[in-house]
Amino acid sequence: KGACDMDTPLPVMHAMSTPRERSRALQEQAAILEREGGFDEAVRYWQA
């Protein structure tokens, strides 16, 4: 669908975790995606 496909939903985070924990987990995943060159997916994780 092109380089910046933003339609795929993010994985569901555990309901019992705090917003800070969820934010940190999303940041870690975004950084991994960046290192792998998955910038289209990383955008969504950074925004979330």
All heavy atoms as atom14 arrays in JSON, in Angstrom:
{
  "sequence": "KGACDMDTPLPVMHAMSTPRERSRALQEQAAILEREGGFDEAVRYWQA",
  "atom14_mask": [
    [1, 1, 1, 1, 1, 1, 1, 1, 1, 0, 0, 0, 0, 0],
    [1, 1, 1, 1, 0, 0, 0, 0, 0, 0, 0, 0, 0, 0],
    [1, 1, 1, 1, 1, 0, 0, 0, 0, 0, 0, 0, 0, 0],
    [1, 1, 1, 1, 1, 1, 0, 0, 0, 0, 0, 0, 0, 0],
    [1, 1, 1, 1, 1, 1, 1, 1, 0, 0, 0, 0, 0, 0],
    [1, 1, 1, 1, 1, 1, 1, 1, 0, 0, 0, 0, 0, 0],
    [1, 1, 1, 1, 1, 1, 1, 1, 0, 0, 0, 0, 0, 0],
    [1, 1, 1, 1, 1, 1, 1, 0, 0, 0, 0, 0, 0, 0],
    [1, 1, 1, 1, 1, 1, 1, 0, 0, 0, 0, 0, 0, 0],
    [1, 1, 1, 1, 1, 1, 1, 1, 0, 0, 0, 0, 0, 0],
    [1, 1, 1, 1, 1, 1, 1, 0, 0, 0, 0, 0, 0, 0],
    [1, 1, 1, 1, 1, 1, 1, 0, 0, 0, 0, 0, 0, 0],
    [1, 1, 1, 1, 1, 1, 1, 1, 0, 0, 0, 0, 0, 0],
    [1, 1, 1, 1, 1, 1, 1, 1, 1, 1, 0, 0, 0, 0],
    [1, 1, 1, 1, 1, 0, 0, 0, 0, 0, 0, 0, 0, 0],
    [1, 1, 1, 1, 1, 1, 1, 1, 0, 0, 0, 0, 0, 0],
    [1, 1, 1, 1, 1, 1, 0, 0, 0, 0, 0, 0, 0, 0],
    [1, 1, 1, 1, 1, 1, 1, 0, 0, 0, 0, 0, 0, 0],
    [1, 1, 1, 1, 1, 1, 1, 0, 0, 0, 0, 0, 0, 0],
    [1, 1, 1, 1, 1, 1, 1, 1, 1, 1, 1, 0, 0, 0],
    [1, 1, 1, 1, 1, 1, 1, 1, 1, 0, 0, 0, 0, 0],
    [1, 1, 1, 1, 1, 1, 1, 1, 1, 1, 1, 0, 0, 0],
    [1, 1, 1, 1, 1, 1, 0, 0, 0, 0, 0, 0, 0, 0],
    [1, 1, 1, 1, 1, 1, 1, 1, 1, 1, 1, 0, 0, 0],
    [1, 1, 1, 1, 1, 0, 0, 0, 0, 0, 0, 0, 0, 0],
    [1, 1, 1, 1, 1, 1, 1, 1, 0, 0, 0, 0, 0, 0],
    [1, 1, 1, 1, 1, 1, 1, 1, 1, 0, 0, 0, 0, 0],
    [1, 1, 1, 1, 1, 1, 1, 1, 1, 0, 0, 0, 0, 0],
    [1, 1, 1, 1, 1, 1, 1, 1, 1, 0, 0, 0, 0, 0],
    [1, 1, 1, 1, 1, 0, 0, 0, 0, 0, 0, 0, 0, 0],
    [1, 1, 1, 1, 1, 0, 0, 0, 0, 0, 0, 0, 0, 0],
    [1, 1, 1, 1, 1, 1, 1, 1, 0, 0, 0, 0, 0, 0],
    [1, 1, 1, 1, 1, 1, 1, 1, 0, 0, 0, 0, 0, 0],
    [1, 1, 1, 1, 1, 1, 1, 1, 1, 0, 0, 0, 0, 0],
    [1, 1, 1, 1, 1, 1, 1, 1, 1, 1, 1, 0, 0, 0],
    [1, 1, 1, 1, 1, 1, 1, 1, 1, 0, 0, 0, 0, 0],
    [1, 1, 1, 1, 0, 0, 0, 0, 0, 0, 0, 0, 0, 0],
    [1, 1, 1, 1, 0, 0, 0, 0, 0, 0, 0, 0, 0, 0],
    [1, 1, 1, 1, 1, 1, 1, 1, 1, 1, 1, 0, 0, 0],
    [1, 1, 1, 1, 1, 1, 1, 1, 0, 0, 0, 0, 0, 0],
    [1, 1, 1, 1, 1, 1, 1, 1, 1, 0, 0, 0, 0, 0],
    [1, 1, 1, 1, 1, 0, 0, 0, 0, 0, 0, 0, 0, 0],
    [1, 1, 1, 1, 1, 1, 1, 0, 0, 0, 0, 0, 0, 0],
    [1, 1, 1, 1, 1, 1, 1, 1, 1, 1, 1, 0, 0, 0],
    [1, 1, 1, 1, 1, 1, 1, 1, 1, 1, 1, 1, 0, 0],
    [1, 1, 1, 1, 1, 1, 1, 1, 1, 1, 1, 1, 1, 1],
    [1, 1, 1, 1, 1, 1, 1, 1, 1, 0, 0, 0, 0, 0],
    [1, 1, 1, 1, 1, 0, 0, 0, 0, 0, 0, 0, 0, 0]
  ],
  "atom14_positions": [
    [[0.81, -1.22, 0.0], [0.0, 0.0, 0.0], [0.85, 1.27, 0.0], [0.34, 2.33, 0.23], [-0.9, 0.02, 1.24], [-1.96, -1.05, 1.23], [-2.85, -0.85, 2.42], [-3.95, -1.89, 2.46], [-4.82, -1.71, 3.6], [0.0, 0.0, 0.0], [0.0, 0.0, 0.0], [0.0, 0.0, 0.0], [0.0, 0.0, 0.0], [0.0, 0.0, 0.0]],
    [[2.12, 1.17, -0.2], [2.97, 2.35, -0.16], [3.82, 2.35, 1.08], [3.68, 1.51, 1.96], [0.0, 0.0, 0.0], [0.0, 0.0, 0.0], [0.0, 0.0, 0.0], [0.0, 0.0, 0.0], [0.0, 0.0, 0.0], [0.0, 0.0, 0.0], [0.0, 0.0, 0.0], [0.0, 0.0, 0.0], [0.0, 0.0, 0.0], [0.0, 0.0, 0.0]],
    [[4.73, 3.3, 1.14], [5.73, 3.32, 2.2], [5.15, 3.62, 3.58], [5.69, 3.19, 4.57], [6.81, 4.34, 1.87], [0.0, 0.0, 0.0], [0.0, 0.0, 0.0], [0.0, 0.0, 0.0], [0.0, 0.0, 0.0], [0.0, 0.0, 0.0], [0.0, 0.0, 0.0], [0.0, 0.0, 0.0], [0.0, 0.0, 0.0], [0.0, 0.0, 0.0]],
    [[4.07, 4.38, 3.66], [3.55, 4.8, 4.97], [2.13, 4.31, 5.18], [1.19, 5.1, 5.25], [3.62, 6.32, 5.11], [5.3, 6.92, 5.19], [0.0, 0.0, 0.0], [0.0, 0.0, 0.0], [0.0, 0.0, 0.0], [0.0, 0.0, 0.0], [0.0, 0.0, 0.0], [0.0, 0.0, 0.0], [0.0, 0.0, 0.0], [0.0, 0.0, 0.0]],
    [[1.95, 3.03, 5.32], [0.62, 2.45, 5.55], [0.3, 2.53, 7.03], [0.96, 1.93, 7.84], [0.61, 1.0, 5.08], [-0.71, 0.31, 5.36], [-1.72, 1.02, 5.53], [-0.73, -0.92, 5.4], [0.0, 0.0, 0.0], [0.0, 0.0, 0.0], [0.0, 0.0, 0.0], [0.0, 0.0, 0.0], [0.0, 0.0, 0.0], [0.0, 0.0, 0.0]],
    [[-0.72, 3.29, 7.4], [-1.07, 3.5, 8.8], [-2.37, 2.8, 9.16], [-2.96, 3.07, 10.19], [-1.23, 4.99, 9.09], [-0.1, 5.83, 8.65], [1.12, 5.94, 9.91], [2.22, 7.1, 9.16], [0.0, 0.0, 0.0], [0.0, 0.0, 0.0], [0.0, 0.0, 0.0], [0.0, 0.0, 0.0], [0.0, 0.0, 0.0], [0.0, 0.0, 0.0]],
    [[-2.86, 1.87, 8.34], [-4.16, 1.27, 8.57], [-4.14, 0.05, 9.48], [-5.16, -0.35, 10.01], [-4.8, 0.86, 7.23], [-5.12, 2.07, 6.37], [-5.33, 3.15, 6.94], [-5.13, 1.93, 5.15], [0.0, 0.0, 0.0], [0.0, 0.0, 0.0], [0.0, 0.0, 0.0], [0.0, 0.0, 0.0], [0.0, 0.0, 0.0], [0.0, 0.0, 0.0]],
    [[-2.99, -0.55, 9.68], [-2.9, -1.76, 10.49], [-2.97, -1.39, 11.97], [-2.24, -0.52, 12.42], [-1.58, -2.5, 10.22], [-1.45, -2.68, 8.82], [-1.53, -3.82, 10.93], [0.0, 0.0, 0.0], [0.0, 0.0, 0.0], [0.0, 0.0, 0.0], [0.0, 0.0, 0.0], [0.0, 0.0, 0.0], [0.0, 0.0, 0.0], [0.0, 0.0, 0.0]],
    [[-3.86, -2.03, 12.74], [-3.97, -1.68, 14.16], [-2.75, -2.14, 14.96], [-2.09, -3.12, 14.61], [-5.23, -2.44, 14.62], [-5.4, -3.54, 13.63], [-4.8, -3.06, 12.34], [0.0, 0.0, 0.0], [0.0, 0.0, 0.0], [0.0, 0.0, 0.0], [0.0, 0.0, 0.0], [0.0, 0.0, 0.0], [0.0, 0.0, 0.0], [0.0, 0.0, 0.0]],
    [[-2.48, -1.4, 16.03], [-1.4, -1.79, 16.95], [-1.85, -2.95, 17.8], [-3.05, -3.13, 18.04], [-1.04, -0.61, 17.86], [-0.48, 0.63, 17.18], [-0.29, 1.74, 18.2], [0.82, 0.33, 16.49], [0.0, 0.0, 0.0], [0.0, 0.0, 0.0], [0.0, 0.0, 0.0], [0.0, 0.0, 0.0], [0.0, 0.0, 0.0], [0.0, 0.0, 0.0]],
    [[-0.9, -3.75, 18.3], [-1.29, -4.84, 19.19], [-1.95, -4.3, 20.46], [-1.62, -3.21, 20.91], [0.02, -5.54, 19.52], [1.09, -4.84, 18.8], [0.51, -3.69, 18.06], [0.0, 0.0, 0.0], [0.0, 0.0, 0.0], [0.0, 0.0, 0.0], [0.0, 0.0, 0.0], [0.0, 0.0, 0.0], [0.0, 0.0, 0.0], [0.0, 0.0, 0.0]],
    [[-2.84, -5.07, 21.03], [-3.52, -4.67, 22.25], [-2.55, -4.79, 23.42], [-1.85, -5.79, 23.56], [-4.75, -5.57, 22.5], [-5.41, -5.23, 23.8], [-5.72, -5.45, 21.34], [0.0, 0.0, 0.0], [0.0, 0.0, 0.0], [0.0, 0.0, 0.0], [0.0, 0.0, 0.0], [0.0, 0.0, 0.0], [0.0, 0.0, 0.0], [0.0, 0.0, 0.0]],
    [[-2.5, -3.75, 24.23], [-1.63, -3.75, 25.41], [-2.39, -4.36, 26.59], [-3.62, -4.3, 26.64], [-1.2, -2.33, 25.76], [-0.48, -1.6, 24.64], [1.05, -2.36, 24.12], [2.07, -2.02, 25.53], [0.0, 0.0, 0.0], [0.0, 0.0, 0.0], [0.0, 0.0, 0.0], [0.0, 0.0, 0.0], [0.0, 0.0, 0.0], [0.0, 0.0, 0.0]],
    [[-1.69, -4.93, 27.51], [-2.3, -5.55, 28.69], [-3.12, -4.52, 29.45], [-2.64, -3.43, 29.76], [-1.21, -6.14, 29.58], [-1.75, -6.95, 30.7], [-2.14, -6.39, 31.88], [-1.98, -8.28, 30.8], [-2.59, -7.35, 32.69], [-2.48, -8.5, 32.05], [0.0, 0.0, 0.0], [0.0, 0.0, 0.0], [0.0, 0.0, 0.0], [0.0, 0.0, 0.0]],
    [[-4.34, -4.83, 29.77], [-5.27, -3.89, 30.4], [-4.84, -3.48, 31.8], [-5.23, -2.42, 32.28], [-6.67, -4.51, 30.45], [0.0, 0.0, 0.0], [0.0, 0.0, 0.0], [0.0, 0.0, 0.0], [0.0, 0.0, 0.0], [0.0, 0.0, 0.0], [0.0, 0.0, 0.0], [0.0, 0.0, 0.0], [0.0, 0.0, 0.0], [0.0, 0.0, 0.0]],
    [[-4.06, -4.3, 32.48], [-3.69, -3.98, 33.87], [-2.44, -3.12, 33.96], [-2.09, -2.65, 35.03], [-3.48, -5.28, 34.65], [-4.74, -6.14, 34.74], [-6.14, -5.27, 35.48], [-5.6, -5.21, 37.17], [0.0, 0.0, 0.0], [0.0, 0.0, 0.0], [0.0, 0.0, 0.0], [0.0, 0.0, 0.0], [0.0, 0.0, 0.0], [0.0, 0.0, 0.0]],
    [[-1.74, -2.89, 32.87], [-0.53, -2.08, 32.93], [-0.91, -0.6, 33.01], [-1.98, -0.18, 32.58], [0.38, -2.36, 31.73], [-0.29, -2.08, 30.54], [0.0, 0.0, 0.0], [0.0, 0.0, 0.0], [0.0, 0.0, 0.0], [0.0, 0.0, 0.0], [0.0, 0.0, 0.0], [0.0, 0.0, 0.0], [0.0, 0.0, 0.0], [0.0, 0.0, 0.0]],
    [[0.0, 0.19, 33.54], [-0.24, 1.63, 33.68], [0.03, 2.33, 32.35], [0.72, 1.79, 31.49], [0.68, 2.23, 34.76], [2.04, 2.14, 34.29], [0.53, 1.5, 36.09], [0.0, 0.0, 0.0], [0.0, 0.0, 0.0], [0.0, 0.0, 0.0], [0.0, 0.0, 0.0], [0.0, 0.0, 0.0], [0.0, 0.0, 0.0], [0.0, 0.0, 0.0]],
    [[-0.5, 3.55, 32.19], [-0.21, 4.3, 30.97], [1.3, 4.47, 30.75], [1.78, 4.37, 29.62], [-0.89, 5.65, 31.19], [-2.03, 5.32, 32.1], [-1.5, 4.25, 33.01], [0.0, 0.0, 0.0], [0.0, 0.0, 0.0], [0.0, 0.0, 0.0], [0.0, 0.0, 0.0], [0.0, 0.0, 0.0], [0.0, 0.0, 0.0], [0.0, 0.0, 0.0]],
    [[2.05, 4.71, 31.81], [3.5, 4.87, 31.68], [4.14, 3.58, 31.15], [5.0, 3.62, 30.27], [4.13, 5.25, 33.01], [5.65, 5.46, 32.92], [6.25, 5.83, 34.25], [5.88, 7.16, 34.65], [6.57, 8.26, 34.36], [7.66, 8.17, 33.64], [6.19, 9.43, 34.78], [0.0, 0.0, 0.0], [0.0, 0.0, 0.0], [0.0, 0.0, 0.0]],
    [[3.71, 2.43, 31.67], [4.25, 1.15, 31.21], [3.88, 0.9, 29.75], [4.71, 0.43, 28.97], [3.74, 0.0, 32.08], [4.29, 0.0, 33.48], [3.58, -0.97, 34.4], [2.4, -1.31, 34.14], [4.2, -1.4, 35.39], [0.0, 0.0, 0.0], [0.0, 0.0, 0.0], [0.0, 0.0, 0.0], [0.0, 0.0, 0.0], [0.0, 0.0, 0.0]],
    [[2.65, 1.21, 29.39], [2.22, 1.03, 27.99], [3.01, 1.95, 27.06], [3.44, 1.55, 25.99], [0.72, 1.25, 27.85], [-0.1, 0.16, 28.52], [-1.57, 0.22, 28.17], [-2.23, 1.46, 28.51], [-2.87, 1.7, 29.67], [-2.94, 0.76, 30.59], [-3.44, 2.86, 29.89], [0.0, 0.0, 0.0], [0.0, 0.0, 0.0], [0.0, 0.0, 0.0]],
    [[3.19, 3.21, 27.5], [3.94, 4.16, 26.7], [5.37, 3.68, 26.5], [5.91, 3.72, 25.39], [3.94, 5.54, 27.37], [4.68, 6.47, 26.61], [0.0, 0.0, 0.0], [0.0, 0.0, 0.0], [0.0, 0.0, 0.0], [0.0, 0.0, 0.0], [0.0, 0.0, 0.0], [0.0, 0.0, 0.0], [0.0, 0.0, 0.0], [0.0, 0.0, 0.0]],
    [[5.99, 3.21, 27.57], [7.38, 2.73, 27.49], [7.48, 1.52, 26.56], [8.42, 1.43, 25.75], [7.88, 2.38, 28.89], [9.33, 2.02, 28.92], [10.19, 3.21, 28.57], [11.57, 2.77, 28.53], [12.46, 3.23, 27.68], [12.15, 4.18, 26.84], [13.68, 2.78, 27.7], [0.0, 0.0, 0.0], [0.0, 0.0, 0.0], [0.0, 0.0, 0.0]],
    [[6.53, 0.61, 26.64], [6.55, -0.57, 25.77], [6.41, -0.15, 24.3], [7.09, -0.7, 23.42], [5.44, -1.54, 26.16], [0.0, 0.0, 0.0], [0.0, 0.0, 0.0], [0.0, 0.0, 0.0], [0.0, 0.0, 0.0], [0.0, 0.0, 0.0], [0.0, 0.0, 0.0], [0.0, 0.0, 0.0], [0.0, 0.0, 0.0], [0.0, 0.0, 0.0]],
    [[5.55, 0.82, 24.04], [5.37, 1.31, 22.67], [6.64, 2.0, 22.17], [7.03, 1.84, 21.01], [4.18, 2.27, 22.6], [2.81, 1.62, 22.77], [1.75, 2.68, 23.03], [2.45, 0.79, 21.56], [0.0, 0.0, 0.0], [0.0, 0.0, 0.0], [0.0, 0.0, 0.0], [0.0, 0.0, 0.0], [0.0, 0.0, 0.0], [0.0, 0.0, 0.0]],
    [[7.31, 2.76, 23.05], [8.56, 3.41, 22.68], [9.63, 2.39, 22.33], [10.36, 2.55, 21.35], [9.06, 4.3, 23.82], [8.22, 5.53, 24.05], [8.64, 6.28, 25.29], [9.8, 6.24, 25.7], [7.7, 6.97, 25.91], [0.0, 0.0, 0.0], [0.0, 0.0, 0.0], [0.0, 0.0, 0.0], [0.0, 0.0, 0.0], [0.0, 0.0, 0.0]],
    [[9.72, 1.35, 23.13], [10.72, 0.31, 22.87], [10.46, -0.37, 21.52], [11.39, -0.61, 20.76], [10.73, -0.71, 24.0], [11.3, -0.17, 25.28], [11.19, -1.12, 26.46], [10.77, -2.28, 26.26], [11.53, -0.7, 27.57], [0.0, 0.0, 0.0], [0.0, 0.0, 0.0], [0.0, 0.0, 0.0], [0.0, 0.0, 0.0], [0.0, 0.0, 0.0]],
    [[9.19, -0.68, 21.24], [8.86, -1.31, 19.96], [9.14, -0.35, 18.8], [9.64, -0.78, 17.76], [7.41, -1.77, 19.96], [7.03, -2.52, 18.71], [7.83, -3.79, 18.51], [8.17, -4.48, 19.46], [8.14, -4.1, 17.26], [0.0, 0.0, 0.0], [0.0, 0.0, 0.0], [0.0, 0.0, 0.0], [0.0, 0.0, 0.0], [0.0, 0.0, 0.0]],
    [[8.81, 0.91, 18.97], [9.07, 1.9, 17.92], [10.56, 1.98, 17.61], [10.96, 2.03, 16.44], [8.55, 3.28, 18.33], [0.0, 0.0, 0.0], [0.0, 0.0, 0.0], [0.0, 0.0, 0.0], [0.0, 0.0, 0.0], [0.0, 0.0, 0.0], [0.0, 0.0, 0.0], [0.0, 0.0, 0.0], [0.0, 0.0, 0.0], [0.0, 0.0, 0.0]],
    [[11.38, 1.97, 18.64], [12.83, 2.04, 18.44], [13.35, 0.8, 17.7], [14.2, 0.91, 16.81], [13.54, 2.19, 19.78], [0.0, 0.0, 0.0], [0.0, 0.0, 0.0], [0.0, 0.0, 0.0], [0.0, 0.0, 0.0], [0.0, 0.0, 0.0], [0.0, 0.0, 0.0], [0.0, 0.0, 0.0], [0.0, 0.0, 0.0], [0.0, 0.0, 0.0]],
    [[12.82, -0.36, 18.04], [13.2, -1.59, 17.34], [12.82, -1.49, 15.86], [13.62, -1.81, 14.98], [12.53, -2.82, 18.0], [13.14, -3.08, 19.36], [12.65, -4.05, 17.1], [12.36, -4.07, 20.22], [0.0, 0.0, 0.0], [0.0, 0.0, 0.0], [0.0, 0.0, 0.0], [0.0, 0.0, 0.0], [0.0, 0.0, 0.0], [0.0, 0.0, 0.0]],
    [[11.6, -1.03, 15.61], [11.15, -0.9, 14.23], [12.01, 0.09, 13.44], [12.34, -0.16, 12.27], [9.68, -0.46, 14.19], [8.69, -1.54, 14.63], [7.33, -0.92, 14.93], [8.58, -2.63, 13.58], [0.0, 0.0, 0.0], [0.0, 0.0, 0.0], [0.0, 0.0, 0.0], [0.0, 0.0, 0.0], [0.0, 0.0, 0.0], [0.0, 0.0, 0.0]],
    [[12.4, 1.18, 14.07], [13.29, 2.15, 13.41], [14.6, 1.49, 13.02], [15.07, 1.64, 11.89], [13.61, 3.33, 14.34], [12.57, 4.41, 14.36], [13.07, 5.63, 15.09], [14.21, 6.07, 14.83], [12.32, 6.14, 15.94], [0.0, 0.0, 0.0], [0.0, 0.0, 0.0], [0.0, 0.0, 0.0], [0.0, 0.0, 0.0], [0.0, 0.0, 0.0]],
    [[15.2, 0.76, 13.96], [16.48, 0.1, 13.68], [16.37, -0.9, 12.54], [17.32, -1.11, 11.8], [17.02, -0.59, 14.94], [17.57, 0.38, 15.97], [18.34, -0.32, 17.06], [17.51, -1.14, 17.9], [16.84, -0.73, 18.98], [16.9, 0.53, 19.35], [16.13, -1.58, 19.69], [0.0, 0.0, 0.0], [0.0, 0.0, 0.0], [0.0, 0.0, 0.0]],
    [[15.19, -1.52, 12.4], [14.97, -2.49, 11.33], [14.55, -1.83, 10.02], [14.35, -2.51, 9.02], [13.88, -3.48, 11.75], [14.28, -4.37, 12.9], [13.15, -5.27, 13.38], [11.99, -5.07, 12.96], [13.43, -6.16, 14.19], [0.0, 0.0, 0.0], [0.0, 0.0, 0.0], [0.0, 0.0, 0.0], [0.0, 0.0, 0.0], [0.0, 0.0, 0.0]],
    [[14.36, -0.52, 10.03], [13.94, 0.19, 8.83], [12.44, 0.22, 8.63], [11.96, 0.62, 7.57], [0.0, 0.0, 0.0], [0.0, 0.0, 0.0], [0.0, 0.0, 0.0], [0.0, 0.0, 0.0], [0.0, 0.0, 0.0], [0.0, 0.0, 0.0], [0.0, 0.0, 0.0], [0.0, 0.0, 0.0], [0.0, 0.0, 0.0], [0.0, 0.0, 0.0]],
    [[11.68, -0.17, 9.64], [10.21, -0.18, 9.55], [9.63, 1.15, 9.97], [8.84, 1.22, 10.91], [0.0, 0.0, 0.0], [0.0, 0.0, 0.0], [0.0, 0.0, 0.0], [0.0, 0.0, 0.0], [0.0, 0.0, 0.0], [0.0, 0.0, 0.0], [0.0, 0.0, 0.0], [0.0, 0.0, 0.0], [0.0, 0.0, 0.0], [0.0, 0.0, 0.0]],
    [[10.0, 2.21, 9.26], [9.59, 3.56, 9.65], [8.09, 3.76, 9.59], [7.53, 4.5, 10.4], [10.31, 4.6, 8.78], [11.79, 4.57, 8.94], [12.6, 4.02, 7.96], [12.39, 5.06, 10.09], [13.97, 3.97, 8.11], [13.76, 5.02, 10.26], [14.55, 4.47, 9.27], [0.0, 0.0, 0.0], [0.0, 0.0, 0.0], [0.0, 0.0, 0.0]],
    [[7.42, 3.1, 8.64], [5.97, 3.25, 8.53], [5.27, 2.75, 9.79], [4.37, 3.4, 10.31], [5.45, 2.54, 7.29], [5.87, 1.08, 7.18], [6.88, 0.69, 7.8], [5.18, 0.33, 6.47], [0.0, 0.0, 0.0], [0.0, 0.0, 0.0], [0.0, 0.0, 0.0], [0.0, 0.0, 0.0], [0.0, 0.0, 0.0], [0.0, 0.0, 0.0]],
    [[5.7, 1.62, 10.31], [5.12, 1.09, 11.54], [5.57, 1.89, 12.76], [4.79, 2.12, 13.68], [5.52, -0.37, 11.73], [4.92, -1.31, 10.72], [5.4, -2.72, 10.95], [4.9, -3.35, 11.91], [6.28, -3.17, 10.2], [0.0, 0.0, 0.0], [0.0, 0.0, 0.0], [0.0, 0.0, 0.0], [0.0, 0.0, 0.0], [0.0, 0.0, 0.0]],
    [[6.83, 2.32, 12.76], [7.37, 3.07, 13.9], [6.59, 4.36, 14.14], [6.38, 4.75, 15.29], [8.86, 3.36, 13.69], [0.0, 0.0, 0.0], [0.0, 0.0, 0.0], [0.0, 0.0, 0.0], [0.0, 0.0, 0.0], [0.0, 0.0, 0.0], [0.0, 0.0, 0.0], [0.0, 0.0, 0.0], [0.0, 0.0, 0.0], [0.0, 0.0, 0.0]],
    [[6.15, 5.01, 13.06], [5.36, 6.25, 13.2], [4.17, 6.0, 14.11], [3.9, 6.77, 15.04], [4.88, 6.77, 11.82], [3.85, 7.88, 11.99], [6.03, 7.23, 10.97], [0.0, 0.0, 0.0], [0.0, 0.0, 0.0], [0.0, 0.0, 0.0], [0.0, 0.0, 0.0], [0.0, 0.0, 0.0], [0.0, 0.0, 0.0], [0.0, 0.0, 0.0]],
    [[3.45, 4.93, 13.84], [2.23, 4.64, 14.6], [2.55, 4.36, 16.07], [1.81, 4.78, 16.96], [1.5, 3.47, 13.97], [1.01, 3.82, 12.57], [0.28, 2.73, 11.82], [-0.25, 1.63, 12.59], [0.33, 0.42, 12.71], [1.46, 0.17, 12.11], [-0.24, -0.52, 13.41], [0.0, 0.0, 0.0], [0.0, 0.0, 0.0], [0.0, 0.0, 0.0]],
    [[3.64, 3.65, 16.32], [4.01, 3.36, 17.69], [4.43, 4.62, 18.43], [4.07, 4.82, 19.6], [5.13, 2.31, 17.73], [4.62, 0.91, 17.58], [4.37, 0.36, 16.32], [4.36, 0.12, 18.7], [3.89, -0.93, 16.18], [3.88, -1.17, 18.56], [3.65, -1.69, 17.31], [3.16, -2.96, 17.18], [0.0, 0.0, 0.0], [0.0, 0.0, 0.0]],
    [[5.2, 5.49, 17.77], [5.59, 6.75, 18.42], [4.36, 7.62, 18.71], [4.26, 8.23, 19.77], [6.58, 7.53, 17.54], [7.97, 6.98, 17.57], [8.68, 6.53, 16.49], [8.83, 6.82, 18.7], [9.92, 6.1, 16.9], [10.04, 6.27, 18.25], [8.69, 7.09, 20.06], [11.1, 5.99, 19.11], [9.75, 6.8, 20.91], [10.93, 6.26, 20.44]],
    [[3.43, 7.67, 17.77], [2.22, 8.48, 17.98], [1.39, 7.93, 19.15], [0.92, 8.7, 20.0], [1.38, 8.52, 16.71], [2.01, 9.35, 15.62], [1.3, 9.23, 14.29], [0.59, 8.26, 14.02], [1.49, 10.22, 13.43], [0.0, 0.0, 0.0], [0.0, 0.0, 0.0], [0.0, 0.0, 0.0], [0.0, 0.0, 0.0], [0.0, 0.0, 0.0]],
    [[1.22, 6.62, 19.19], [0.45, 6.01, 20.29], [1.14, 6.24, 21.62], [0.49, 6.52, 22.64], [0.26, 4.52, 20.03], [0.0, 0.0, 0.0], [0.0, 0.0, 0.0], [0.0, 0.0, 0.0], [0.0, 0.0, 0.0], [0.0, 0.0, 0.0], [0.0, 0.0, 0.0], [0.0, 0.0, 0.0], [0.0, 0.0, 0.0], [0.0, 0.0, 0.0]]
  ]
}
